[in-house]
């Protein structure tokens, strides 16, 4: 893979990550507004958890598609644990 191909792939990855962060920010704002609305008009009971769960699953799927199967935080923790356990043996 030459320099140009790497640059194009890196740009595409950054665009995907930016799209996820925008999606997550919109999710947070909309869910906060829905929580306020549900709190102010709680005559029908709590309903805000249903859009939260549905859209939240969409957010998780989007994160999985952009960042891969194992997020870096988890992968780094796994590597630290492997080293830690190996040193104790």
PDB file of N, CA and C in Angstrom:
ATOM      1  N   UNK A   1       0.849  -1.167   0.000  1.00  0.00           N
ATOM      2  CA  UNK A   1       0.000   0.000   0.000  1.00  0.00           C
ATOM      3  C   UNK A   1       0.903   1.240   0.000  1.00  0.00           C
ATOM      4  N   UNK A   2       0.661   2.110  -0.953  1.00  0.00           N
ATOM      5  CA  UNK A   2       1.508   3.291  -1.060  1.00  0.00           C
ATOM      6  C   UNK A   2       0.985   4.425  -0.162  1.00  0.00           C
ATOM      7  N   UNK A   3       1.731   5.522  -0.167  1.00  0.00           N
ATOM      8  CA  UNK A   3       1.425   6.654   0.716  1.00  0.00           C
ATOM      9  C   UNK A   3       0.032   7.220   0.439  1.00  0.00           C
ATOM     10  N   UNK A   4      -0.339   7.344  -0.821  1.00  0.00           N
ATOM     11  CA  UNK A   4      -1.647   7.921  -1.170  1.00  0.00           C
ATOM     12  C   UNK A   4      -2.795   7.042  -0.662  1.00  0.00           C
ATOM     13  N   UNK A   5      -2.675   5.735  -0.834  1.00  0.00           N
ATOM     14  CA  UNK A   5      -3.718   4.819  -0.358  1.00  0.00           C
ATOM     15  C   UNK A   5      -3.862   4.891   1.158  1.00  0.00           C
ATOM     16  N   UNK A   6      -2.733   4.977   1.858  1.00  0.00           N
ATOM     17  CA  UNK A   6      -2.778   5.096   3.316  1.00  0.00           C
ATOM     18  C   UNK A   6      -3.468   6.388   3.734  1.00  0.00           C
ATOM     19  N   UNK A   7      -3.158   7.468   3.024  1.00  0.00           N
ATOM     20  CA  UNK A   7      -3.769   8.758   3.322  1.00  0.00           C
ATOM     21  C   UNK A   7      -5.285   8.707   3.108  1.00  0.00           C
ATOM     22  N   UNK A   8      -5.723   8.105   2.010  1.00  0.00           N
ATOM     23  CA  UNK A   8      -7.150   7.996   1.717  1.00  0.00           C
ATOM     24  C   UNK A   8      -7.850   7.155   2.778  1.00  0.00           C
ATOM     25  N   UNK A   9      -7.246   6.040   3.157  1.00  0.00           N
ATOM     26  CA  UNK A   9      -7.840   5.181   4.197  1.00  0.00           C
ATOM     27  C   UNK A   9      -7.898   5.882   5.535  1.00  0.00           C
ATOM     28  N   UNK A  10      -6.861   6.626   5.873  1.00  0.00           N
ATOM     29  CA  UNK A  10      -6.843   7.362   7.137  1.00  0.00           C
ATOM     30  C   UNK A  10      -7.920   8.446   7.147  1.00  0.00           C
ATOM     31  N   UNK A  11      -8.070   9.152   6.025  1.00  0.00           N
ATOM     32  CA  UNK A  11      -9.108  10.174   5.935  1.00  0.00           C
ATOM     33  C   UNK A  11     -10.492   9.557   6.073  1.00  0.00           C
ATOM     34  N   UNK A  12     -10.720   8.434   5.448  1.00  0.00           N
ATOM     35  CA  UNK A  12     -12.012   7.750   5.537  1.00  0.00           C
ATOM     36  C   UNK A  12     -12.292   7.328   6.974  1.00  0.00           C
ATOM     37  N   UNK A  13     -11.267   6.820   7.654  1.00  0.00           N
ATOM     38  CA  UNK A  13     -11.439   6.390   9.049  1.00  0.00           C
ATOM     39  C   UNK A  13     -11.781   7.580   9.941  1.00  0.00           C
ATOM     40  N   UNK A  14     -11.101   8.711   9.729  1.00  0.00           N
ATOM     41  CA  UNK A  14     -11.382   9.907  10.525  1.00  0.00           C
ATOM     42  C   UNK A  14     -12.804  10.396  10.256  1.00  0.00           C
ATOM     43  N   UNK A  15     -13.261  10.324   9.014  1.00  0.00           N
ATOM     44  CA  UNK A  15     -14.634  10.717   8.693  1.00  0.00           C
ATOM     45  C   UNK A  15     -15.637   9.794   9.380  1.00  0.00           C
ATOM     46  N   UNK A  16     -15.358   8.506   9.418  1.00  0.00           N
ATOM     47  CA  UNK A  16     -16.231   7.559  10.110  1.00  0.00           C
ATOM     48  C   UNK A  16     -16.282   7.860  11.598  1.00  0.00           C
ATOM     49  N   UNK A  17     -15.132   8.145  12.190  1.00  0.00           N
ATOM     50  CA  UNK A  17     -15.081   8.464  13.614  1.00  0.00           C
ATOM     51  C   UNK A  17     -15.832   9.760  13.909  1.00  0.00           C
ATOM     52  N   UNK A  18     -15.659  10.760  13.048  1.00  0.00           N
ATOM     53  CA  UNK A  18     -16.371  12.025  13.218  1.00  0.00           C
ATOM     54  C   UNK A  18     -17.874  11.803  13.139  1.00  0.00           C
ATOM     55  N   UNK A  19     -18.310  10.992  12.195  1.00  0.00           N
ATOM     56  CA  UNK A  19     -19.727  10.668  12.080  1.00  0.00           C
ATOM     57  C   UNK A  19     -20.264  10.003  13.336  1.00  0.00           C
ATOM     58  N   UNK A  20     -19.477   9.108  13.918  1.00  0.00           N
ATOM     59  CA  UNK A  20     -19.913   8.467  15.162  1.00  0.00           C
ATOM     60  C   UNK A  20     -20.026   9.483  16.289  1.00  0.00           C
ATOM     61  N   UNK A  21     -19.018  10.350  16.443  1.00  0.00           N
ATOM     62  CA  UNK A  21     -19.055  11.335  17.527  1.00  0.00           C
ATOM     63  C   UNK A  21     -20.234  12.290  17.381  1.00  0.00           C
ATOM     64  N   UNK A  22     -20.565  12.674  16.156  1.00  0.00           N
ATOM     65  CA  UNK A  22     -21.733  13.528  15.935  1.00  0.00           C
ATOM     66  C   UNK A  22     -23.002  12.764  16.300  1.00  0.00           C
ATOM     67  N   UNK A  23     -23.097  11.522  15.879  1.00  0.00           N
ATOM     68  CA  UNK A  23     -24.239  10.678  16.203  1.00  0.00           C
ATOM     69  C   UNK A  23     -24.401  10.560  17.715  1.00  0.00           C
ATOM     70  N   UNK A  24     -23.303  10.342  18.422  1.00  0.00           N
ATOM     71  CA  UNK A  24     -23.342  10.184  19.876  1.00  0.00           C
ATOM     72  C   UNK A  24     -23.752  11.489  20.556  1.00  0.00           C
ATOM     73  N   UNK A  25     -23.259  12.631  20.065  1.00  0.00           N
ATOM     74  CA  UNK A  25     -23.618  13.922  20.643  1.00  0.00           C
ATOM     75  C   UNK A  25     -25.106  14.220  20.443  1.00  0.00           C
ATOM     76  N   UNK A  26     -25.619  13.949  19.253  1.00  0.00           N
ATOM     77  CA  UNK A  26     -27.048  14.158  18.985  1.00  0.00           C
ATOM     78  C   UNK A  26     -27.874  13.243  19.883  1.00  0.00           C
ATOM     79  N   UNK A  27     -27.441  12.018  20.044  1.00  0.00           N
ATOM     80  CA  UNK A  27     -28.107  11.072  20.937  1.00  0.00           C
ATOM     81  C   UNK A  27     -28.186  11.644  22.353  1.00  0.00           C
ATOM     82  N   UNK A  28     -27.076  12.148  22.853  1.00  0.00           N
ATOM     83  CA  UNK A  28     -27.051  12.703  24.205  1.00  0.00           C
ATOM     84  C   UNK A  28     -27.983  13.891  24.372  1.00  0.00           C
ATOM     85  N   UNK A  29     -27.973  14.807  23.416  1.00  0.00           N
ATOM     86  CA  UNK A  29     -28.822  16.001  23.488  1.00  0.00           C
ATOM     87  C   UNK A  29     -30.300  15.614  23.404  1.00  0.00           C
ATOM     88  N   UNK A  30     -30.642  14.777  22.444  1.00  0.00           N
ATOM     89  CA  UNK A  30     -32.044  14.385  22.270  1.00  0.00           C
ATOM     90  C   UNK A  30     -32.539  13.598  23.473  1.00  0.00           C
ATOM     91  N   UNK A  31     -31.723  12.698  23.995  1.00  0.00           N
ATOM     92  CA  UNK A  31     -32.146  11.924  25.158  1.00  0.00           C
ATOM     93  C   UNK A  31     -32.325  12.822  26.379  1.00  0.00           C
ATOM     94  N   UNK A  32     -31.462  13.819  26.551  1.00  0.00           N
ATOM     95  CA  UNK A  32     -31.618  14.753  27.663  1.00  0.00           C
ATOM     96  C   UNK A  32     -32.923  15.530  27.530  1.00  0.00           C
ATOM     97  N   UNK A  33     -33.233  15.993  26.325  1.00  0.00           N
ATOM     98  CA  UNK A  33     -34.496  16.708  26.098  1.00  0.00           C
ATOM     99  C   UNK A  33     -35.697  15.797  26.346  1.00  0.00           C
ATOM    100  N   UNK A  34     -35.613  14.573  25.893  1.00  0.00           N
ATOM    101  CA  UNK A  34     -36.715  13.637  26.105  1.00  0.00           C
ATOM    102  C   UNK A  34     -36.899  13.330  27.590  1.00  0.00           C
ATOM    103  N   UNK A  35     -35.806  13.259  28.326  1.00  0.00           N
ATOM    104  CA  UNK A  35     -35.898  13.034  29.763  1.00  0.00           C
ATOM    105  C   UNK A  35     -36.592  14.202  30.447  1.00  0.00           C
ATOM    106  N   UNK A  36     -36.245  15.422  30.042  1.00  0.00           N
ATOM    107  CA  UNK A  36     -36.893  16.607  30.607  1.00  0.00           C
ATOM    108  C   UNK A  36     -38.386  16.588  30.286  1.00  0.00           C
ATOM    109  N   UNK A  37     -38.728  16.293  29.046  1.00  0.00           N
ATOM    110  CA  UNK A  37     -40.140  16.236  28.644  1.00  0.00           C
ATOM    111  C   UNK A  37     -40.871  15.155  29.432  1.00  0.00           C
ATOM    112  N   UNK A  38     -40.266  14.001  29.574  1.00  0.00           N
ATOM    113  CA  UNK A  38     -40.898  12.907  30.303  1.00  0.00           C
ATOM    114  C   UNK A  38     -41.066  13.251  31.778  1.00  0.00           C
ATOM    115  N   UNK A  39     -40.091  13.965  32.348  1.00  0.00           N
ATOM    116  CA  UNK A  39     -40.175  14.363  33.745  1.00  0.00           C
ATOM    117  C   UNK A  39     -41.288  15.386  33.953  1.00  0.00           C
ATOM    118  N   UNK A  40     -41.410  16.338  33.027  1.00  0.00           N
ATOM    119  CA  UNK A  40     -42.416  17.386  33.151  1.00  0.00           C
ATOM    120  C   UNK A  40     -43.822  16.845  32.903  1.00  0.00           C
ATOM    121  N   UNK A  41     -43.954  15.868  32.057  1.00  0.00           N
ATOM    122  CA  UNK A  41     -45.256  15.301  31.717  1.00  0.00           C
ATOM    123  C   UNK A  41     -45.245  13.814  32.040  1.00  0.00           C
ATOM    124  N   UNK A  42     -45.204  13.488  33.310  1.00  0.00           N
ATOM    125  CA  UNK A  42     -45.104  12.085  33.711  1.00  0.00           C
ATOM    126  C   UNK A  42     -46.468  11.451  33.943  1.00  0.00           C
ATOM    127  N   UNK A  43     -47.525  12.052  33.382  1.00  0.00           N
ATOM    128  CA  UNK A  43     -48.869  11.499  33.552  1.00  0.00           C
ATOM    129  C   UNK A  43     -48.979  10.105  32.942  1.00  0.00           C
ATOM    130  N   UNK A  44     -48.284   9.876  31.857  1.00  0.00           N
ATOM    131  CA  UNK A  44     -48.351   8.571  31.189  1.00  0.00           C
ATOM    132  C   UNK A  44     -47.303   7.593  31.714  1.00  0.00           C
ATOM    133  N   UNK A  45     -46.572   7.967  32.726  1.00  0.00           N
ATOM    134  CA  UNK A  45     -45.516   7.115  33.250  1.00  0.00           C
ATOM    135  C   UNK A  45     -44.212   7.330  32.496  1.00  0.00           C
ATOM    136  N   UNK A  46     -43.255   6.479  32.777  1.00  0.00           N
ATOM    137  CA  UNK A  46     -41.940   6.602  32.154  1.00  0.00           C
ATOM    138  C   UNK A  46     -41.933   5.890  30.813  1.00  0.00           C
ATOM    139  N   UNK A  47     -41.597   6.617  29.778  1.00  0.00           N
ATOM    140  CA  UNK A  47     -41.483   6.054  28.439  1.00  0.00           C
ATOM    141  C   UNK A  47     -40.112   6.328  27.827  1.00  0.00           C
ATOM    142  N   UNK A  48     -39.333   7.207  28.458  1.00  0.00           N
ATOM    143  CA  UNK A  48     -38.067   7.633  27.857  1.00  0.00           C
ATOM    144  C   UNK A  48     -37.041   6.505  27.733  1.00  0.00           C
ATOM    145  N   UNK A  49     -37.191   5.471  28.546  1.00  0.00           N
ATOM    146  CA  UNK A  49     -36.221   4.371  28.493  1.00  0.00           C
ATOM    147  C   UNK A  49     -36.302   3.605  27.183  1.00  0.00           C
ATOM    148  N   UNK A  50     -37.468   3.577  26.538  1.00  0.00           N
ATOM    149  CA  UNK A  50     -37.611   2.795  25.303  1.00  0.00           C
ATOM    150  C   UNK A  50     -36.846   3.402  24.136  1.00  0.00           C
ATOM    151  N   UNK A  51     -36.995   4.716  23.881  1.00  0.00           N
ATOM    152  CA  UNK A  51     -36.143   5.271  22.819  1.00  0.00           C
ATOM    153  C   UNK A  51     -34.660   5.231  23.195  1.00  0.00           C
ATOM    154  N   UNK A  52     -34.370   5.375  24.497  1.00  0.00           N
ATOM    155  CA  UNK A  52     -32.981   5.296  24.940  1.00  0.00           C
ATOM    156  C   UNK A  52     -32.387   3.929  24.619  1.00  0.00           C
ATOM    157  N   UNK A  53     -33.124   2.877  24.948  1.00  0.00           N
ATOM    158  CA  UNK A  53     -32.617   1.525  24.672  1.00  0.00           C
ATOM    159  C   UNK A  53     -32.500   1.250  23.175  1.00  0.00           C
ATOM    160  N   UNK A  54     -33.528   1.634  22.423  1.00  0.00           N
ATOM    161  CA  UNK A  54     -33.491   1.383  20.982  1.00  0.00           C
ATOM    162  C   UNK A  54     -32.375   2.140  20.288  1.00  0.00           C
ATOM    163  N   UNK A  55     -32.310   3.435  20.539  1.00  0.00           N
ATOM    164  CA  UNK A  55     -31.284   4.258  19.903  1.00  0.00           C
ATOM    165  C   UNK A  55     -29.912   3.902  20.479  1.00  0.00           C
ATOM    166  N   UNK A  56     -29.875   3.555  21.763  1.00  0.00           N
ATOM    167  CA  UNK A  56     -28.616   3.153  22.385  1.00  0.00           C
ATOM    168  C   UNK A  56     -28.011   1.932  21.717  1.00  0.00           C
ATOM    169  N   UNK A  57     -28.881   0.977  21.335  1.00  0.00           N
ATOM    170  CA  UNK A  57     -28.385  -0.191  20.595  1.00  0.00           C
ATOM    171  C   UNK A  57     -27.825   0.225  19.241  1.00  0.00           C
ATOM    172  N   UNK A  58     -28.481   1.208  18.615  1.00  0.00           N
ATOM    173  CA  UNK A  58     -27.961   1.740  17.356  1.00  0.00           C
ATOM    174  C   UNK A  58     -26.607   2.397  17.528  1.00  0.00           C
ATOM    175  N   UNK A  59     -26.433   3.120  18.627  1.00  0.00           N
ATOM    176  CA  UNK A  59     -25.145   3.761  18.942  1.00  0.00           C
ATOM    177  C   UNK A  59     -24.067   2.690  19.133  1.00  0.00           C
ATOM    178  N   UNK A  60     -24.412   1.636  19.873  1.00  0.00           N
ATOM    179  CA  UNK A  60     -23.437   0.555  20.082  1.00  0.00           C
ATOM    180  C   UNK A  60     -23.046  -0.106  18.763  1.00  0.00           C
ATOM    181  N   UNK A  61     -24.027  -0.331  17.904  1.00  0.00           N
ATOM    182  CA  UNK A  61     -23.728  -0.914  16.597  1.00  0.00           C
ATOM    183  C   UNK A  61     -22.846  -0.003  15.754  1.00  0.00           C
ATOM    184  N   UNK A  62     -23.126   1.297  15.817  1.00  0.00           N
ATOM    185  CA  UNK A  62     -22.319   2.262  15.073  1.00  0.00           C
ATOM    186  C   UNK A  62     -20.883   2.270  15.606  1.00  0.00           C
ATOM    187  N   UNK A  63     -20.751   2.252  16.933  1.00  0.00           N
ATOM    188  CA  UNK A  63     -19.406   2.220  17.539  1.00  0.00           C
ATOM    189  C   UNK A  63     -18.665   0.954  17.128  1.00  0.00           C
ATOM    190  N   UNK A  64     -19.360  -0.148  17.124  1.00  0.00           N
ATOM    191  CA  UNK A  64     -18.756  -1.421  16.753  1.00  0.00           C
ATOM    192  C   UNK A  64     -18.279  -1.378  15.299  1.00  0.00           C
ATOM    193  N   UNK A  65     -19.098  -0.794  14.429  1.00  0.00           N
ATOM    194  CA  UNK A  65     -18.733  -0.704  13.017  1.00  0.00           C
ATOM    195  C   UNK A  65     -17.537   0.210  12.790  1.00  0.00           C
ATOM    196  N   UNK A  66     -17.454   1.295  13.560  1.00  0.00           N
ATOM    197  CA  UNK A  66     -16.372   2.273  13.361  1.00  0.00           C
ATOM    198  C   UNK A  66     -15.082   1.839  14.042  1.00  0.00           C
ATOM    199  N   UNK A  67     -15.189   1.386  15.274  1.00  0.00           N
ATOM    200  CA  UNK A  67     -13.989   1.122  16.065  1.00  0.00           C
ATOM    201  C   UNK A  67     -13.577  -0.341  16.092  1.00  0.00           C
ATOM    202  N   UNK A  68     -14.354  -1.209  15.534  1.00  0.00           N
ATOM    203  CA  UNK A  68     -14.008  -2.621  15.510  1.00  0.00           C
ATOM    204  C   UNK A  68     -14.661  -3.383  16.637  1.00  0.00           C
ATOM    205  N   UNK A  69     -14.385  -4.644  16.678  1.00  0.00           N
ATOM    206  CA  UNK A  69     -15.046  -5.524  17.636  1.00  0.00           C
ATOM    207  C   UNK A  69     -14.643  -5.257  19.078  1.00  0.00           C
ATOM    208  N   UNK A  70     -13.397  -4.939  19.312  1.00  0.00           N
ATOM    209  CA  UNK A  70     -12.941  -4.707  20.673  1.00  0.00           C
ATOM    210  C   UNK A  70     -12.428  -3.277  20.797  1.00  0.00           C
ATOM    211  N   UNK A  71     -13.147  -2.434  21.551  1.00  0.00           N
ATOM    212  CA  UNK A  71     -12.667  -1.064  21.732  1.00  0.00           C
ATOM    213  C   UNK A  71     -11.271  -1.041  22.345  1.00  0.00           C
ATOM    214  N   UNK A  72     -10.494  -0.004  22.055  1.00  0.00           N
ATOM    215  CA  UNK A  72      -9.118   0.105  22.536  1.00  0.00           C
ATOM    216  C   UNK A  72      -9.025   0.015  24.054  1.00  0.00           C
ATOM    217  N   UNK A  73      -9.985   0.588  24.753  1.00  0.00           N
ATOM    218  CA  UNK A  73      -9.956   0.554  26.217  1.00  0.00           C
ATOM    219  C   UNK A  73      -9.972  -0.886  26.702  1.00  0.00           C
ATOM    220  N   UNK A  74     -10.833  -1.701  26.114  1.00  0.00           N
ATOM    221  CA  UNK A  74     -10.930  -3.104  26.523  1.00  0.00           C
ATOM    222  C   UNK A  74      -9.698  -3.873  26.087  1.00  0.00           C
ATOM    223  N   UNK A  75      -9.238  -3.638  24.862  1.00  0.00           N
ATOM    224  CA  UNK A  75      -8.046  -4.341  24.372  1.00  0.00           C
ATOM    225  C   UNK A  75      -6.830  -4.014  25.229  1.00  0.00           C
ATOM    226  N   UNK A  76      -6.664  -2.740  25.597  1.00  0.00           N
ATOM    227  CA  UNK A  76      -5.535  -2.355  26.445  1.00  0.00           C
ATOM    228  C   UNK A  76      -5.645  -2.995  27.823  1.00  0.00           C
ATOM    229  N   UNK A  77      -6.848  -3.043  28.379  1.00  0.00           N
ATOM    230  CA  UNK A  77      -7.048  -3.689  29.676  1.00  0.00           C
ATOM    231  C   UNK A  77      -6.697  -5.169  29.585  1.00  0.00           C
ATOM    232  N   UNK A  78      -7.139  -5.823  28.486  1.00  0.00           N
ATOM    233  CA  UNK A  78      -6.843  -7.240  28.311  1.00  0.00           C
ATOM    234  C   UNK A  78      -5.339  -7.486  28.245  1.00  0.00           C
ATOM    235  N   UNK A  79      -4.626  -6.641  27.502  1.00  0.00           N
ATOM    236  CA  UNK A  79      -3.169  -6.797  27.414  1.00  0.00           C
ATOM    237  C   UNK A  79      -2.503  -6.616  28.774  1.00  0.00           C
ATOM    238  N   UNK A  80      -2.946  -5.613  29.535  1.00  0.00           N
ATOM    239  CA  UNK A  80      -2.386  -5.392  30.877  1.00  0.00           C
ATOM    240  C   UNK A  80      -2.637  -6.600  31.766  1.00  0.00           C
ATOM    241  N   UNK A  81      -3.843  -7.156  31.702  1.00  0.00           N
ATOM    242  CA  UNK A  81      -4.167  -8.312  32.529  1.00  0.00           C
ATOM    243  C   UNK A  81      -3.333  -9.530  32.135  1.00  0.00           C
ATOM    244  N   UNK A  82      -3.146  -9.743  30.852  1.00  0.00           N
ATOM    245  CA  UNK A  82      -2.333 -10.873  30.388  1.00  0.00           C
ATOM    246  C   UNK A  82      -0.920 -10.747  30.931  1.00  0.00           C
ATOM    247  N   UNK A  83      -0.345  -9.548  30.812  1.00  0.00           N
ATOM    248  CA  UNK A  83       1.018  -9.330  31.346  1.00  0.00           C
ATOM    249  C   UNK A  83       1.061  -9.539  32.845  1.00  0.00           C
ATOM    250  N   UNK A  84       0.062  -9.023  33.536  1.00  0.00           N
ATOM    251  CA  UNK A  84      -0.001  -9.132  34.991  1.00  0.00           C
ATOM    252  C   UNK A  84      -0.079 -10.587  35.438  1.00  0.00           C
ATOM    253  N   UNK A  85      -0.936 -11.352  34.805  1.00  0.00           N
ATOM    254  CA  UNK A  85      -1.089 -12.753  35.168  1.00  0.00           C
ATOM    255  C   UNK A  85       0.154 -13.545  34.789  1.00  0.00           C
ATOM    256  N   UNK A  86       0.749 -13.234  33.646  1.00  0.00           N
ATOM    257  CA  UNK A  86       1.956 -13.918  33.200  1.00  0.00           C
ATOM    258  C   UNK A  86       3.098 -13.691  34.190  1.00  0.00           C
ATOM    259  N   UNK A  87       3.204 -12.469  34.719  1.00  0.00           N
ATOM    260  CA  UNK A  87       4.272 -12.165  35.670  1.00  0.00           C
ATOM    261  C   UNK A  87       4.092 -12.913  36.990  1.00  0.00           C
ATOM    262  N   UNK A  88       2.870 -13.206  37.368  1.00  0.00           N
ATOM    263  CA  UNK A  88       2.609 -13.932  38.612  1.00  0.00           C
ATOM    264  C   UNK A  88       2.889 -15.423  38.492  1.00  0.00           C
ATOM    265  N   UNK A  89       2.971 -15.944  37.272  1.00  0.00           N
ATOM    266  CA  UNK A  89       3.160 -17.391  37.090  1.00  0.00           C
ATOM    267  C   UNK A  89       4.587 -17.781  37.326  1.00  0.00           C
TER     268      UNK A  89
END
